[in-house]
Amino acid sequence: TKPTASSKELILSILNSTATKREARDYLTKYADGSDRGNHCLLLTRHLHRLNEKTLSQLSEAIKRLRMLGLRPICMIPPSGHVSQQAESLDRMITKAQLQPLHLQNGLTKCQSGKYESILASQINIFNSEQLSNIVPIIKPFVFDESSAREYMMNDAVKFTNYLCQGNIPYIDKFFILNRIGGIPSGERHENSHVFINLNQEYNNIAAILEKKYKDVASPKAESGDF
């Protein structure tokens, strides 16, 4: 089959985004093989309302490239007092990437049984639809309570994310955290941050290292200065 302009652009993007021929081949096999399963990436974004337009434009290009590489972004806003401003920034970024933002006010529903239902599960047909592949959801950290018919913000970002990713949800292949703080510290990189983490293989080890570092910092010796 003769390559189209879009397929050539996809291949060039993959070659420019990977370090080796093997990585490029693996990426093409995984994401560009025409599989019926949609590959999604979850983007948790912080402090976007504090970024200048140049940085927002660079992030917009990153979102555009993710979609070009076969990943369908799902944006999640963590709880804060700036949800509306962050939603506006994401809207501009996604629109500039020539994609269509879809604002979802209530990421979770608290059922009368007390269980939480994720919008990723209840609206899975929207997320997996090929006809809606250019839509990028923007999920806000609000919960609709069926018992009281009211909504409220879930202030615990970890708890919100945990409930959001439960149930029969779209396949989430990657998880990106965008913030002004920096990445997860890596001793092997001389205290710089990890670049990519394979959660299936590295989560337990990294969590154990971070737990030890936290205990060391919180120990009485550290507090007394004898550390």
N, C-alpha and C. Protein backbone atom coordinates (compact mmCIF):
# COMPACT_ATOMS: atom_id res chain seq x y z
N THR A 1 0.84 -1.18 0.00
CA THR A 1 0.00 0.00 0.00
C THR A 1 0.88 1.24 0.00
N LYS A 2 0.55 2.19 -0.86
CA LYS A 2 1.34 3.41 -0.95
C LYS A 2 1.09 4.27 0.28
N PRO A 3 2.15 4.71 0.96
CA PRO A 3 1.97 5.53 2.17
C PRO A 3 1.28 6.85 1.86
N THR A 4 0.37 7.26 2.74
CA THR A 4 -0.30 8.55 2.60
C THR A 4 0.54 9.61 3.30
N ALA A 5 0.15 10.88 3.09
CA ALA A 5 0.88 11.98 3.72
C ALA A 5 0.80 11.86 5.24
N SER A 6 -0.37 11.47 5.76
CA SER A 6 -0.53 11.36 7.21
C SER A 6 0.30 10.21 7.78
N SER A 7 0.37 9.09 7.02
CA SER A 7 1.16 7.96 7.52
C SER A 7 2.64 8.28 7.49
N LYS A 8 3.09 9.03 6.46
CA LYS A 8 4.49 9.46 6.42
C LYS A 8 4.81 10.37 7.60
N GLU A 9 3.88 11.27 7.93
CA GLU A 9 4.08 12.18 9.05
C GLU A 9 4.16 11.40 10.36
N LEU A 10 3.32 10.37 10.49
CA LEU A 10 3.33 9.54 11.69
C LEU A 10 4.66 8.84 11.84
N ILE A 11 5.16 8.23 10.75
CA ILE A 11 6.43 7.50 10.81
C ILE A 11 7.57 8.44 11.15
N LEU A 12 7.60 9.63 10.55
CA LEU A 12 8.64 10.60 10.86
C LEU A 12 8.60 11.04 12.32
N SER A 13 7.37 11.21 12.84
CA SER A 13 7.23 11.61 14.24
C SER A 13 7.76 10.53 15.17
N ILE A 14 7.48 9.27 14.83
CA ILE A 14 7.97 8.16 15.66
C ILE A 14 9.49 8.09 15.61
N LEU A 15 10.06 8.23 14.42
CA LEU A 15 11.51 8.17 14.29
C LEU A 15 12.18 9.31 15.06
N ASN A 16 11.54 10.48 15.08
CA ASN A 16 12.11 11.63 15.79
C ASN A 16 11.89 11.55 17.29
N SER A 17 10.97 10.68 17.73
CA SER A 17 10.62 10.61 19.15
C SER A 17 11.26 9.42 19.86
N THR A 18 11.96 8.57 19.13
CA THR A 18 12.55 7.38 19.73
C THR A 18 14.06 7.39 19.51
N ALA A 19 14.76 6.73 20.42
CA ALA A 19 16.23 6.80 20.40
C ALA A 19 16.86 5.78 19.46
N THR A 20 16.24 4.61 19.30
CA THR A 20 16.84 3.54 18.51
C THR A 20 15.86 3.00 17.48
N LYS A 21 16.41 2.26 16.50
CA LYS A 21 15.55 1.63 15.50
C LYS A 21 14.62 0.61 16.14
N ARG A 22 15.13 -0.09 17.16
CA ARG A 22 14.31 -1.10 17.84
C ARG A 22 13.11 -0.45 18.52
N GLU A 23 13.34 0.70 19.19
CA GLU A 23 12.24 1.40 19.84
C GLU A 23 11.21 1.87 18.82
N ALA A 24 11.71 2.36 17.69
CA ALA A 24 10.80 2.82 16.65
C ALA A 24 9.96 1.67 16.11
N ARG A 25 10.60 0.51 15.88
CA ARG A 25 9.87 -0.66 15.39
C ARG A 25 8.81 -1.11 16.40
N ASP A 26 9.20 -1.15 17.66
CA ASP A 26 8.26 -1.57 18.70
C ASP A 26 7.08 -0.61 18.80
N TYR A 27 7.38 0.69 18.66
CA TYR A 27 6.31 1.68 18.75
C TYR A 27 5.34 1.54 17.59
N LEU A 28 5.88 1.35 16.38
CA LEU A 28 5.01 1.18 15.22
C LEU A 28 4.15 -0.06 15.36
N THR A 29 4.73 -1.13 15.89
CA THR A 29 3.97 -2.37 16.08
C THR A 29 2.85 -2.18 17.09
N LYS A 30 3.14 -1.43 18.15
CA LYS A 30 2.19 -1.28 19.26
C LYS A 30 1.07 -0.31 18.95
N TYR A 31 1.39 0.84 18.34
CA TYR A 31 0.40 1.90 18.19
C TYR A 31 -0.11 2.11 16.77
N ALA A 32 0.66 1.70 15.79
CA ALA A 32 0.27 2.02 14.41
C ALA A 32 -0.10 0.78 13.61
N ASP A 33 -0.59 -0.25 14.31
CA ASP A 33 -0.90 -1.49 13.61
C ASP A 33 -2.37 -1.63 13.26
N GLY A 34 -3.15 -0.53 13.47
CA GLY A 34 -4.55 -0.58 13.13
C GLY A 34 -5.38 -1.40 14.10
N SER A 35 -4.88 -1.61 15.29
CA SER A 35 -5.61 -2.38 16.29
C SER A 35 -6.91 -1.70 16.66
N ASP A 36 -7.94 -2.51 16.97
CA ASP A 36 -9.22 -1.96 17.36
C ASP A 36 -9.17 -1.34 18.75
N ARG A 37 -8.21 -1.75 19.57
CA ARG A 37 -8.12 -1.21 20.92
C ARG A 37 -7.52 0.18 20.89
N GLY A 38 -8.23 1.14 21.50
CA GLY A 38 -7.69 2.48 21.57
C GLY A 38 -6.66 2.58 22.68
N ASN A 39 -5.55 3.25 22.40
CA ASN A 39 -4.50 3.47 23.40
C ASN A 39 -4.62 4.89 23.93
N HIS A 40 -4.94 5.01 25.20
CA HIS A 40 -5.12 6.32 25.81
C HIS A 40 -3.97 6.65 26.74
N CYS A 41 -3.75 7.94 26.94
CA CYS A 41 -2.80 8.39 27.96
C CYS A 41 -3.52 9.38 28.86
N LEU A 42 -3.30 9.24 30.15
CA LEU A 42 -3.92 10.11 31.14
C LEU A 42 -2.94 11.22 31.50
N LEU A 43 -3.36 12.47 31.35
CA LEU A 43 -2.52 13.62 31.65
C LEU A 43 -3.07 14.34 32.88
N LEU A 44 -2.30 14.33 33.95
CA LEU A 44 -2.66 15.10 35.14
C LEU A 44 -1.87 16.39 35.10
N THR A 45 -2.57 17.51 35.09
CA THR A 45 -1.91 18.79 34.89
C THR A 45 -2.08 19.68 36.12
N ARG A 46 -0.99 20.34 36.52
CA ARG A 46 -1.02 21.27 37.65
C ARG A 46 -0.46 22.63 37.22
N HIS A 47 -0.98 23.69 37.82
CA HIS A 47 -0.41 25.04 37.72
C HIS A 47 -0.38 25.59 36.29
N LEU A 48 -1.25 25.08 35.41
CA LEU A 48 -1.22 25.58 34.03
C LEU A 48 -1.57 27.06 33.96
N HIS A 49 -2.39 27.52 34.89
CA HIS A 49 -2.80 28.93 34.86
C HIS A 49 -1.63 29.87 35.15
N ARG A 50 -0.50 29.33 35.62
CA ARG A 50 0.67 30.16 35.91
C ARG A 50 1.67 30.18 34.76
N LEU A 51 1.43 29.40 33.72
CA LEU A 51 2.38 29.30 32.62
C LEU A 51 2.14 30.39 31.58
N ASN A 52 3.22 30.81 30.92
CA ASN A 52 3.06 31.82 29.87
C ASN A 52 2.61 31.15 28.57
N GLU A 53 2.24 31.98 27.62
CA GLU A 53 1.68 31.46 26.37
C GLU A 53 2.69 30.64 25.57
N LYS A 54 3.96 31.00 25.67
CA LYS A 54 4.98 30.24 24.93
C LYS A 54 5.04 28.80 25.45
N THR A 55 5.03 28.64 26.76
CA THR A 55 5.08 27.30 27.34
C THR A 55 3.80 26.52 27.02
N LEU A 56 2.66 27.21 27.08
CA LEU A 56 1.39 26.56 26.73
C LEU A 56 1.39 26.09 25.27
N SER A 57 2.01 26.88 24.42
CA SER A 57 2.10 26.49 23.00
C SER A 57 2.97 25.25 22.83
N GLN A 58 4.06 25.17 23.60
CA GLN A 58 4.92 23.99 23.53
C GLN A 58 4.17 22.74 24.03
N LEU A 59 3.39 22.89 25.09
CA LEU A 59 2.59 21.77 25.58
C LEU A 59 1.51 21.39 24.57
N SER A 60 0.98 22.37 23.88
CA SER A 60 -0.01 22.10 22.84
C SER A 60 0.58 21.24 21.74
N GLU A 61 1.83 21.54 21.34
CA GLU A 61 2.51 20.74 20.33
C GLU A 61 2.74 19.32 20.82
N ALA A 62 3.03 19.19 22.12
CA ALA A 62 3.24 17.85 22.70
C ALA A 62 1.96 17.03 22.64
N ILE A 63 0.83 17.66 22.95
CA ILE A 63 -0.47 16.97 22.88
C ILE A 63 -0.78 16.58 21.44
N LYS A 64 -0.48 17.46 20.52
CA LYS A 64 -0.72 17.17 19.10
C LYS A 64 0.11 15.98 18.65
N ARG A 65 1.37 15.92 19.12
CA ARG A 65 2.25 14.80 18.73
C ARG A 65 1.78 13.50 19.36
N LEU A 66 1.32 13.55 20.61
CA LEU A 66 0.79 12.34 21.25
C LEU A 66 -0.33 11.74 20.42
N ARG A 67 -1.22 12.62 19.97
CA ARG A 67 -2.35 12.12 19.17
C ARG A 67 -1.86 11.57 17.83
N MET A 68 -0.86 12.24 17.25
CA MET A 68 -0.31 11.79 15.98
C MET A 68 0.36 10.43 16.12
N LEU A 69 0.94 10.18 17.30
CA LEU A 69 1.64 8.92 17.54
C LEU A 69 0.69 7.79 17.91
N GLY A 70 -0.60 8.06 17.94
CA GLY A 70 -1.57 7.00 18.18
C GLY A 70 -2.12 6.94 19.59
N LEU A 71 -1.73 7.89 20.45
CA LEU A 71 -2.25 7.93 21.81
C LEU A 71 -3.36 8.98 21.91
N ARG A 72 -4.45 8.61 22.55
CA ARG A 72 -5.57 9.54 22.71
C ARG A 72 -5.53 10.13 24.11
N PRO A 73 -5.24 11.43 24.22
CA PRO A 73 -5.08 12.04 25.55
C PRO A 73 -6.41 12.18 26.29
N ILE A 74 -6.35 11.97 27.60
CA ILE A 74 -7.43 12.27 28.52
C ILE A 74 -6.84 13.17 29.59
N CYS A 75 -7.32 14.41 29.69
CA CYS A 75 -6.76 15.37 30.64
C CYS A 75 -7.55 15.34 31.94
N MET A 76 -6.83 15.30 33.06
CA MET A 76 -7.46 15.30 34.36
C MET A 76 -6.91 16.46 35.18
N ILE A 77 -7.80 17.26 35.74
CA ILE A 77 -7.40 18.40 36.57
C ILE A 77 -7.47 17.99 38.03
N PRO A 78 -6.39 18.10 38.79
CA PRO A 78 -6.43 17.75 40.21
C PRO A 78 -7.18 18.82 41.00
N PRO A 79 -7.67 18.47 42.19
CA PRO A 79 -8.41 19.44 43.00
C PRO A 79 -7.54 20.62 43.43
N SER A 80 -8.10 21.81 43.35
CA SER A 80 -7.42 23.03 43.78
C SER A 80 -8.45 24.16 43.70
N GLY A 81 -8.01 25.35 44.01
CA GLY A 81 -8.89 26.50 43.88
C GLY A 81 -8.83 27.13 42.50
N HIS A 82 -8.15 26.45 41.56
CA HIS A 82 -7.95 27.05 40.23
C HIS A 82 -8.43 26.11 39.12
N VAL A 83 -9.45 25.32 39.40
CA VAL A 83 -9.93 24.35 38.41
C VAL A 83 -10.41 25.05 37.14
N SER A 84 -11.19 26.13 37.31
CA SER A 84 -11.74 26.83 36.13
C SER A 84 -10.63 27.41 35.26
N GLN A 85 -9.61 28.02 35.91
CA GLN A 85 -8.51 28.60 35.13
C GLN A 85 -7.72 27.51 34.41
N GLN A 86 -7.49 26.38 35.08
CA GLN A 86 -6.76 25.30 34.43
C GLN A 86 -7.56 24.73 33.27
N ALA A 87 -8.86 24.63 33.44
CA ALA A 87 -9.72 24.13 32.35
C ALA A 87 -9.64 25.06 31.14
N GLU A 88 -9.60 26.37 31.38
CA GLU A 88 -9.49 27.33 30.28
C GLU A 88 -8.16 27.18 29.56
N SER A 89 -7.07 26.98 30.33
CA SER A 89 -5.75 26.81 29.71
C SER A 89 -5.70 25.53 28.88
N LEU A 90 -6.26 24.45 29.42
CA LEU A 90 -6.31 23.19 28.67
C LEU A 90 -7.14 23.34 27.41
N ASP A 91 -8.23 24.06 27.50
CA ASP A 91 -9.09 24.28 26.34
C ASP A 91 -8.31 24.96 25.23
N ARG A 92 -7.54 26.00 25.58
CA ARG A 92 -6.75 26.71 24.58
C ARG A 92 -5.67 25.80 23.98
N MET A 93 -5.00 25.03 24.84
CA MET A 93 -3.94 24.13 24.38
C MET A 93 -4.48 23.10 23.40
N ILE A 94 -5.59 22.48 23.76
CA ILE A 94 -6.16 21.41 22.93
C ILE A 94 -6.67 21.98 21.60
N THR A 95 -7.31 23.13 21.67
CA THR A 95 -7.83 23.77 20.44
C THR A 95 -6.67 24.14 19.52
N LYS A 96 -5.58 24.65 20.10
CA LYS A 96 -4.42 25.03 19.30
C LYS A 96 -3.77 23.81 18.67
N ALA A 97 -3.95 22.63 19.29
CA ALA A 97 -3.42 21.38 18.74
C ALA A 97 -4.34 20.80 17.66
N GLN A 98 -5.35 21.58 17.28
CA GLN A 98 -6.32 21.18 16.25
C GLN A 98 -7.12 19.95 16.68
N LEU A 99 -7.37 19.88 17.98
CA LEU A 99 -8.22 18.83 18.54
C LEU A 99 -9.40 19.51 19.24
N GLN A 100 -10.38 18.72 19.64
CA GLN A 100 -11.61 19.28 20.18
C GLN A 100 -11.74 18.97 21.68
N PRO A 101 -11.70 19.99 22.54
CA PRO A 101 -11.84 19.75 23.97
C PRO A 101 -13.28 19.39 24.34
N LEU A 102 -13.43 18.49 25.30
CA LEU A 102 -14.74 18.11 25.82
C LEU A 102 -14.68 18.23 27.34
N HIS A 103 -15.37 19.22 27.90
CA HIS A 103 -15.34 19.46 29.33
C HIS A 103 -16.32 18.53 30.05
N LEU A 104 -15.80 17.79 31.03
CA LEU A 104 -16.62 16.87 31.82
C LEU A 104 -16.56 17.33 33.27
N GLN A 105 -17.66 17.85 33.76
CA GLN A 105 -17.68 18.48 35.07
C GLN A 105 -17.48 17.48 36.21
N ASN A 106 -18.21 16.37 36.15
CA ASN A 106 -18.17 15.40 37.24
C ASN A 106 -17.42 14.15 36.81
N GLY A 107 -16.18 14.02 37.29
CA GLY A 107 -15.40 12.84 36.95
C GLY A 107 -15.92 11.58 37.62
N LEU A 108 -16.59 11.75 38.76
CA LEU A 108 -17.11 10.61 39.51
C LEU A 108 -18.58 10.84 39.88
N THR A 109 -19.29 9.74 40.02
CA THR A 109 -20.64 9.75 40.57
C THR A 109 -20.64 8.87 41.82
N LYS A 110 -21.10 9.43 42.94
CA LYS A 110 -21.25 8.63 44.15
C LYS A 110 -22.66 8.05 44.16
N CYS A 111 -22.73 6.74 43.93
CA CYS A 111 -24.03 6.10 43.83
C CYS A 111 -24.70 6.02 45.21
N GLN A 112 -26.02 5.74 45.20
CA GLN A 112 -26.74 5.65 46.47
C GLN A 112 -26.22 4.51 47.33
N SER A 113 -25.57 3.54 46.71
CA SER A 113 -24.97 2.43 47.46
C SER A 113 -23.70 2.85 48.18
N GLY A 114 -23.18 4.04 47.85
CA GLY A 114 -21.94 4.52 48.44
C GLY A 114 -20.72 4.27 47.58
N LYS A 115 -20.87 3.49 46.52
CA LYS A 115 -19.78 3.22 45.61
C LYS A 115 -19.61 4.38 44.62
N TYR A 116 -18.38 4.51 44.12
CA TYR A 116 -18.08 5.56 43.15
C TYR A 116 -18.04 4.96 41.74
N GLU A 117 -18.62 5.66 40.79
CA GLU A 117 -18.58 5.24 39.39
C GLU A 117 -17.80 6.26 38.58
N SER A 118 -16.81 5.80 37.84
CA SER A 118 -15.97 6.68 37.04
C SER A 118 -16.66 7.03 35.74
N ILE A 119 -16.49 8.28 35.32
CA ILE A 119 -17.04 8.68 34.02
C ILE A 119 -16.32 7.97 32.88
N LEU A 120 -15.09 7.51 33.13
CA LEU A 120 -14.37 6.74 32.11
C LEU A 120 -15.09 5.42 31.83
N ALA A 121 -15.75 4.87 32.86
CA ALA A 121 -16.49 3.62 32.70
C ALA A 121 -17.89 3.87 32.18
N SER A 122 -18.58 4.87 32.73
CA SER A 122 -19.98 5.11 32.35
C SER A 122 -20.10 5.64 30.93
N GLN A 123 -19.07 6.33 30.44
CA GLN A 123 -19.09 6.90 29.09
C GLN A 123 -18.02 6.28 28.20
N ILE A 124 -17.73 4.99 28.41
CA ILE A 124 -16.63 4.35 27.70
C ILE A 124 -16.82 4.37 26.19
N ASN A 125 -18.06 4.35 25.73
CA ASN A 125 -18.31 4.37 24.27
C ASN A 125 -17.83 5.66 23.63
N ILE A 126 -17.93 6.77 24.38
CA ILE A 126 -17.44 8.05 23.85
C ILE A 126 -15.91 8.01 23.73
N PHE A 127 -15.25 7.48 24.74
CA PHE A 127 -13.79 7.48 24.75
C PHE A 127 -13.22 6.54 23.69
N ASN A 128 -13.92 5.45 23.39
CA ASN A 128 -13.41 4.46 22.45
C ASN A 128 -13.90 4.66 21.03
N SER A 129 -14.79 5.62 20.81
CA SER A 129 -15.36 5.82 19.48
C SER A 129 -14.33 6.38 18.51
N GLU A 130 -14.18 5.72 17.36
CA GLU A 130 -13.26 6.21 16.33
C GLU A 130 -13.78 7.49 15.70
N GLN A 131 -15.10 7.65 15.65
CA GLN A 131 -15.69 8.87 15.08
C GLN A 131 -15.38 10.09 15.95
N LEU A 132 -15.08 9.85 17.22
CA LEU A 132 -14.79 10.95 18.16
C LEU A 132 -13.32 10.94 18.57
N SER A 133 -12.46 10.43 17.70
CA SER A 133 -11.06 10.24 18.07
C SER A 133 -10.31 11.56 18.25
N ASN A 134 -10.82 12.67 17.71
CA ASN A 134 -10.16 13.96 17.87
C ASN A 134 -10.63 14.71 19.11
N ILE A 135 -11.56 14.12 19.86
CA ILE A 135 -12.03 14.75 21.09
C ILE A 135 -11.06 14.44 22.22
N VAL A 136 -10.70 15.46 22.99
CA VAL A 136 -9.84 15.29 24.16
C VAL A 136 -10.65 15.68 25.40
N PRO A 137 -11.02 14.71 26.23
CA PRO A 137 -11.79 15.02 27.44
C PRO A 137 -10.96 15.81 28.45
N ILE A 138 -11.62 16.74 29.13
CA ILE A 138 -11.03 17.46 30.26
C ILE A 138 -11.89 17.12 31.48
N ILE A 139 -11.34 16.28 32.36
CA ILE A 139 -12.10 15.79 33.50
C ILE A 139 -11.79 16.63 34.72
N LYS A 140 -12.84 17.16 35.34
CA LYS A 140 -12.69 18.01 36.52
C LYS A 140 -12.93 17.18 37.79
N PRO A 141 -12.31 17.58 38.91
CA PRO A 141 -12.31 16.74 40.12
C PRO A 141 -13.57 16.87 40.97
N PHE A 142 -14.72 16.83 40.32
CA PHE A 142 -15.98 16.96 41.05
C PHE A 142 -16.72 15.63 41.08
N VAL A 143 -17.48 15.45 42.14
CA VAL A 143 -18.27 14.24 42.36
C VAL A 143 -19.74 14.62 42.42
N PHE A 144 -20.58 13.91 41.68
CA PHE A 144 -22.03 14.09 41.80
C PHE A 144 -22.56 13.03 42.75
N ASP A 145 -23.20 13.49 43.82
CA ASP A 145 -23.74 12.60 44.85
C ASP A 145 -25.21 12.33 44.55
N GLU A 146 -25.53 11.09 44.19
CA GLU A 146 -26.90 10.75 43.82
C GLU A 146 -27.87 10.92 44.99
N SER A 147 -27.42 10.65 46.20
CA SER A 147 -28.30 10.72 47.37
C SER A 147 -28.77 12.14 47.65
N SER A 148 -27.87 13.10 47.53
CA SER A 148 -28.22 14.50 47.82
C SER A 148 -28.46 15.33 46.57
N ALA A 149 -28.19 14.75 45.39
CA ALA A 149 -28.31 15.45 44.11
C ALA A 149 -27.45 16.72 44.10
N ARG A 150 -26.28 16.63 44.75
CA ARG A 150 -25.36 17.75 44.78
C ARG A 150 -23.99 17.31 44.29
N GLU A 151 -23.18 18.30 43.91
CA GLU A 151 -21.81 17.99 43.51
C GLU A 151 -20.84 18.66 44.47
N TYR A 152 -19.69 18.04 44.62
CA TYR A 152 -18.66 18.60 45.49
C TYR A 152 -17.30 18.20 44.92
N MET A 153 -16.25 18.95 45.31
CA MET A 153 -14.90 18.63 44.87
C MET A 153 -14.29 17.60 45.81
N MET A 154 -13.69 16.55 45.23
CA MET A 154 -12.94 15.59 46.03
C MET A 154 -11.53 16.13 46.21
N ASN A 155 -11.18 16.50 47.43
CA ASN A 155 -9.93 17.21 47.67
C ASN A 155 -8.69 16.32 47.64
N ASP A 156 -8.87 15.01 47.72
CA ASP A 156 -7.74 14.08 47.71
C ASP A 156 -7.47 13.65 46.26
N ALA A 157 -6.38 14.17 45.67
CA ALA A 157 -6.08 13.88 44.26
C ALA A 157 -5.80 12.41 44.02
N VAL A 158 -5.10 11.75 44.96
CA VAL A 158 -4.78 10.33 44.80
C VAL A 158 -6.05 9.49 44.84
N LYS A 159 -6.92 9.80 45.79
CA LYS A 159 -8.20 9.08 45.91
C LYS A 159 -9.05 9.29 44.67
N PHE A 160 -9.10 10.53 44.18
CA PHE A 160 -9.90 10.82 42.99
C PHE A 160 -9.37 10.04 41.78
N THR A 161 -8.05 10.05 41.60
CA THR A 161 -7.46 9.33 40.47
C THR A 161 -7.70 7.83 40.58
N ASN A 162 -7.59 7.31 41.80
CA ASN A 162 -7.80 5.89 42.02
C ASN A 162 -9.22 5.47 41.62
N TYR A 163 -10.22 6.22 42.07
CA TYR A 163 -11.60 5.90 41.72
C TYR A 163 -11.84 6.11 40.22
N LEU A 164 -11.21 7.13 39.66
CA LEU A 164 -11.40 7.43 38.24
C LEU A 164 -10.93 6.29 37.35
N CYS A 165 -9.90 5.57 37.80
CA CYS A 165 -9.30 4.52 36.97
C CYS A 165 -9.82 3.12 37.32
N GLN A 166 -10.93 3.03 38.04
CA GLN A 166 -11.50 1.74 38.39
C GLN A 166 -12.67 1.39 37.46
N GLY A 167 -12.92 0.08 37.33
CA GLY A 167 -14.03 -0.39 36.52
C GLY A 167 -13.61 -0.67 35.09
N ASN A 168 -14.58 -0.85 34.24
CA ASN A 168 -14.36 -1.12 32.82
C ASN A 168 -14.11 0.19 32.10
N ILE A 169 -12.85 0.63 32.10
CA ILE A 169 -12.49 1.92 31.53
C ILE A 169 -11.66 1.71 30.26
N PRO A 170 -11.49 2.76 29.45
CA PRO A 170 -10.62 2.64 28.27
C PRO A 170 -9.21 2.22 28.66
N TYR A 171 -8.50 1.60 27.72
CA TYR A 171 -7.14 1.14 27.99
C TYR A 171 -6.21 2.34 28.12
N ILE A 172 -5.65 2.55 29.31
CA ILE A 172 -4.72 3.64 29.56
C ILE A 172 -3.31 3.08 29.56
N ASP A 173 -2.55 3.44 28.55
CA ASP A 173 -1.21 2.88 28.36
C ASP A 173 -0.14 3.69 29.06
N LYS A 174 -0.35 5.00 29.18
CA LYS A 174 0.66 5.86 29.78
C LYS A 174 -0.01 6.89 30.68
N PHE A 175 0.76 7.35 31.69
CA PHE A 175 0.27 8.34 32.65
C PHE A 175 1.34 9.42 32.77
N PHE A 176 0.97 10.65 32.40
CA PHE A 176 1.89 11.78 32.46
C PHE A 176 1.44 12.75 33.55
N ILE A 177 2.39 13.28 34.31
CA ILE A 177 2.11 14.32 35.29
C ILE A 177 2.87 15.58 34.85
N LEU A 178 2.13 16.65 34.60
CA LEU A 178 2.72 17.91 34.18
C LEU A 178 2.60 18.91 35.32
N ASN A 179 3.74 19.35 35.86
CA ASN A 179 3.71 20.33 36.93
C ASN A 179 4.99 21.15 36.95
N ARG A 180 5.05 22.10 37.89
CA ARG A 180 6.21 22.99 38.00
C ARG A 180 7.23 22.47 39.00
N ILE A 181 6.92 21.35 39.66
CA ILE A 181 7.78 20.85 40.73
C ILE A 181 8.92 20.01 40.18
N GLY A 182 8.64 19.18 39.21
CA GLY A 182 9.65 18.28 38.66
C GLY A 182 9.23 16.83 38.81
N GLY A 183 10.06 15.93 38.33
CA GLY A 183 9.72 14.52 38.31
C GLY A 183 10.08 13.81 39.61
N ILE A 184 9.93 12.48 39.60
CA ILE A 184 10.24 11.64 40.76
C ILE A 184 11.76 11.48 40.85
N PRO A 185 12.35 11.76 42.02
CA PRO A 185 13.82 11.69 42.15
C PRO A 185 14.37 10.30 41.82
N SER A 186 15.55 10.30 41.21
CA SER A 186 16.20 9.05 40.83
C SER A 186 17.65 9.07 41.33
N GLY A 187 18.00 8.12 42.23
CA GLY A 187 19.37 8.02 42.71
C GLY A 187 20.34 7.64 41.61
N GLU A 188 19.88 6.81 40.68
CA GLU A 188 20.75 6.38 39.59
C GLU A 188 21.10 7.52 38.65
N ARG A 189 20.27 8.56 38.64
CA ARG A 189 20.54 9.73 37.79
C ARG A 189 21.11 10.87 38.62
N HIS A 190 21.82 10.51 39.73
CA HIS A 190 22.48 11.49 40.58
C HIS A 190 21.49 12.53 41.11
N GLU A 191 20.36 11.99 41.63
CA GLU A 191 19.31 12.79 42.26
C GLU A 191 18.52 13.63 41.26
N ASN A 192 18.75 13.46 39.97
CA ASN A 192 17.85 14.06 39.00
C ASN A 192 16.59 13.20 38.93
N SER A 193 15.66 13.59 38.07
CA SER A 193 14.38 12.90 38.02
C SER A 193 14.39 11.75 37.02
N HIS A 194 13.54 10.76 37.28
CA HIS A 194 13.28 9.74 36.29
C HIS A 194 12.69 10.40 35.03
N VAL A 195 13.03 9.88 33.87
CA VAL A 195 12.46 10.37 32.62
C VAL A 195 11.16 9.62 32.33
N PHE A 196 11.26 8.29 32.22
CA PHE A 196 10.10 7.43 32.05
C PHE A 196 10.14 6.32 33.10
N ILE A 197 8.98 5.91 33.57
CA ILE A 197 8.88 4.83 34.55
C ILE A 197 7.94 3.77 34.01
N ASN A 198 8.39 2.53 33.96
CA ASN A 198 7.53 1.41 33.61
C ASN A 198 6.84 0.98 34.90
N LEU A 199 5.57 1.37 35.07
CA LEU A 199 4.88 1.14 36.33
C LEU A 199 4.74 -0.34 36.64
N ASN A 200 4.58 -1.18 35.61
CA ASN A 200 4.45 -2.61 35.86
C ASN A 200 5.70 -3.21 36.47
N GLN A 201 6.86 -2.71 36.07
CA GLN A 201 8.13 -3.31 36.49
C GLN A 201 8.83 -2.54 37.61
N GLU A 202 8.63 -1.23 37.69
CA GLU A 202 9.46 -0.41 38.56
C GLU A 202 8.72 0.21 39.75
N TYR A 203 7.40 0.11 39.78
CA TYR A 203 6.63 0.83 40.79
C TYR A 203 7.04 0.44 42.21
N ASN A 204 7.05 -0.84 42.52
CA ASN A 204 7.32 -1.30 43.89
C ASN A 204 8.71 -0.86 44.37
N ASN A 205 9.70 -0.99 43.48
CA ASN A 205 11.07 -0.62 43.85
C ASN A 205 11.19 0.88 44.11
N ILE A 206 10.60 1.70 43.21
CA ILE A 206 10.68 3.15 43.38
C ILE A 206 9.91 3.58 44.62
N ALA A 207 8.74 2.98 44.85
CA ALA A 207 7.95 3.32 46.03
C ALA A 207 8.71 3.01 47.31
N ALA A 208 9.42 1.87 47.34
CA ALA A 208 10.20 1.49 48.52
C ALA A 208 11.34 2.48 48.76
N ILE A 209 12.02 2.90 47.69
CA ILE A 209 13.12 3.86 47.82
C ILE A 209 12.61 5.19 48.35
N LEU A 210 11.50 5.67 47.80
CA LEU A 210 10.94 6.94 48.24
C LEU A 210 10.46 6.88 49.68
N GLU A 211 9.88 5.73 50.07
CA GLU A 211 9.44 5.56 51.46
C GLU A 211 10.63 5.62 52.42
N LYS A 212 11.75 5.00 52.03
CA LYS A 212 12.95 5.04 52.86
C LYS A 212 13.50 6.46 52.98
N LYS A 213 13.53 7.17 51.85
CA LYS A 213 14.02 8.55 51.88
C LYS A 213 13.14 9.42 52.77
N TYR A 214 11.83 9.19 52.68
CA TYR A 214 10.90 9.97 53.51
C TYR A 214 11.14 9.71 54.99
N LYS A 215 11.34 8.43 55.33
CA LYS A 215 11.60 8.09 56.74
C LYS A 215 12.91 8.68 57.22
N ASP A 216 13.93 8.69 56.33
CA ASP A 216 15.21 9.28 56.70
C ASP A 216 15.08 10.77 57.00
N VAL A 217 14.33 11.46 56.15
CA VAL A 217 14.14 12.90 56.32
C VAL A 217 13.32 13.19 57.58
N ALA A 218 12.33 12.34 57.87
CA ALA A 218 11.44 12.57 59.00
C ALA A 218 11.99 12.04 60.32
N SER A 219 13.17 11.40 60.30
CA SER A 219 13.73 10.81 61.52
C SER A 219 14.20 11.89 62.49
N PRO A 220 14.29 11.56 63.79
CA PRO A 220 14.77 12.55 64.78
C PRO A 220 16.15 13.08 64.47
N LYS A 221 17.03 12.20 63.90
CA LYS A 221 18.37 12.67 63.54
C LYS A 221 18.32 13.78 62.52
N ALA A 222 17.43 13.60 61.53
CA ALA A 222 17.32 14.62 60.49
C ALA A 222 16.80 15.92 61.07
N GLU A 223 15.85 15.81 62.04
CA GLU A 223 15.28 17.02 62.64
C GLU A 223 16.30 17.74 63.50
N SER A 224 17.21 16.99 64.14
CA SER A 224 18.20 17.61 65.00
C SER A 224 19.39 18.18 64.25
N GLY A 225 19.44 17.86 62.95
CA GLY A 225 20.53 18.36 62.12
C GLY A 225 21.68 17.41 62.03
N ASP A 226 21.65 16.30 62.82
CA ASP A 226 22.73 15.31 62.78
C ASP A 226 22.36 14.23 61.77
N PHE A 227 22.53 14.55 60.47
CA PHE A 227 22.06 13.67 59.40
C PHE A 227 23.13 13.52 58.34
